[in-house]
């Protein structure tokens, strides 16, 4: 019974900490684009580093 006096406040504190970090990640935009990184892996980019540099210069 005495252990409950320690375990219950610890579990409430842990739940509040987890809730805070979940709220913080939502406010900072962590969940804005869930599919973008998965699609970016599948994009085929065969251009070389030199070609990408030339494309950036032409875009300016």
C-alpha atoms as a PDB file:
ATOM      1  CA  UNK A   1       0.000   0.000   0.000  1.00  0.00           C
ATOM      2  CA  UNK A   2       2.834   2.377   0.780  1.00  0.00           C
ATOM      3  CA  UNK A   3       4.311   1.903  -2.678  1.00  0.00           C
ATOM      4  CA  UNK A   4       1.131   3.362  -4.188  1.00  0.00           C
ATOM      5  CA  UNK A   5       1.967   6.701  -2.577  1.00  0.00           C
ATOM      6  CA  UNK A   6       5.076   6.761  -4.738  1.00  0.00           C
ATOM      7  CA  UNK A   7       3.838   5.028  -7.887  1.00  0.00           C
ATOM      8  CA  UNK A   8       0.662   7.064  -8.439  1.00  0.00           C
ATOM      9  CA  UNK A   9       2.366  10.503  -8.387  1.00  0.00           C
ATOM     10  CA  UNK A  10       5.190   9.135 -10.546  1.00  0.00           C
ATOM     11  CA  UNK A  11       2.719   7.813 -13.128  1.00  0.00           C
ATOM     12  CA  UNK A  12       0.811  11.119 -13.162  1.00  0.00           C
ATOM     13  CA  UNK A  13       4.064  13.025 -13.595  1.00  0.00           C
ATOM     14  CA  UNK A  14       5.150  10.695 -16.412  1.00  0.00           C
ATOM     15  CA  UNK A  15       1.777  11.115 -18.149  1.00  0.00           C
ATOM     16  CA  UNK A  16       2.085  14.915 -17.909  1.00  0.00           C
ATOM     17  CA  UNK A  17       5.617  14.827 -19.345  1.00  0.00           C
ATOM     18  CA  UNK A  18       4.529  12.616 -22.247  1.00  0.00           C
ATOM     19  CA  UNK A  19       1.512  14.876 -22.861  1.00  0.00           C
ATOM     20  CA  UNK A  20       3.722  17.970 -22.885  1.00  0.00           C
ATOM     21  CA  UNK A  21       6.135  16.501 -25.424  1.00  0.00           C
ATOM     22  CA  UNK A  22       3.235  15.354 -27.618  1.00  0.00           C
ATOM     23  CA  UNK A  23       1.754  18.880 -27.479  1.00  0.00           C
ATOM     24  CA  UNK A  24       5.165  20.434 -28.211  1.00  0.00           C
ATOM     25  CA  UNK A  25       5.766  18.192 -31.231  1.00  0.00           C
ATOM     26  CA  UNK A  26       2.362  19.088 -32.645  1.00  0.00           C
ATOM     27  CA  UNK A  27       2.969  22.822 -32.188  1.00  0.00           C
ATOM     28  CA  UNK A  28       6.442  22.652 -33.743  1.00  0.00           C
ATOM     29  CA  UNK A  29       5.173  21.011 -36.949  1.00  0.00           C
ATOM     30  CA  UNK A  30       6.422  17.464 -36.488  1.00  0.00           C
ATOM     31  CA  UNK A  31       3.169  16.004 -37.853  1.00  0.00           C
ATOM     32  CA  UNK A  32       2.580  18.433 -40.724  1.00  0.00           C
ATOM     33  CA  UNK A  33       3.807  16.273 -43.610  1.00  0.00           C
ATOM     34  CA  UNK A  34       3.623  12.563 -42.858  1.00  0.00           C
ATOM     35  CA  UNK A  35       3.816  11.303 -46.456  1.00  0.00           C
ATOM     36  CA  UNK A  36       6.475  13.622 -47.893  1.00  0.00           C
ATOM     37  CA  UNK A  37       9.574  11.849 -46.550  1.00  0.00           C
ATOM     38  CA  UNK A  38       8.243   8.468 -47.691  1.00  0.00           C
ATOM     39  CA  UNK A  39       7.695   9.749 -51.236  1.00  0.00           C
ATOM     40  CA  UNK A  40      11.014  11.588 -51.317  1.00  0.00           C
ATOM     41  CA  UNK A  41      12.874   8.294 -50.876  1.00  0.00           C
ATOM     42  CA  UNK A  42      11.247   6.940 -54.031  1.00  0.00           C
ATOM     43  CA  UNK A  43      12.134   9.936 -56.204  1.00  0.00           C
ATOM     44  CA  UNK A  44      14.747   8.927 -58.738  1.00  0.00           C
ATOM     45  CA  UNK A  45      17.483  11.530 -59.024  1.00  0.00           C
ATOM     46  CA  UNK A  46      20.015  10.466 -61.653  1.00  0.00           C
ATOM     47  CA  UNK A  47      21.599  13.875 -62.110  1.00  0.00           C
ATOM     48  CA  UNK A  48      25.164  14.368 -60.973  1.00  0.00           C
ATOM     49  CA  UNK A  49      26.425  16.933 -58.494  1.00  0.00           C
ATOM     50  CA  UNK A  50      27.805  19.076 -61.348  1.00  0.00           C
ATOM     51  CA  UNK A  51      24.464  19.061 -63.169  1.00  0.00           C
ATOM     52  CA  UNK A  52      22.622  20.101 -60.013  1.00  0.00           C
ATOM     53  CA  UNK A  53      25.032  23.021 -59.569  1.00  0.00           C
ATOM     54  CA  UNK A  54      24.412  24.152 -63.137  1.00  0.00           C
ATOM     55  CA  UNK A  55      20.645  23.889 -62.641  1.00  0.00           C
ATOM     56  CA  UNK A  56      20.848  26.075 -59.532  1.00  0.00           C
ATOM     57  CA  UNK A  57      22.868  28.699 -61.401  1.00  0.00           C
ATOM     58  CA  UNK A  58      20.378  28.759 -64.256  1.00  0.00           C
ATOM     59  CA  UNK A  59      17.484  29.156 -61.826  1.00  0.00           C
ATOM     60  CA  UNK A  60      18.999  32.382 -60.486  1.00  0.00           C
END
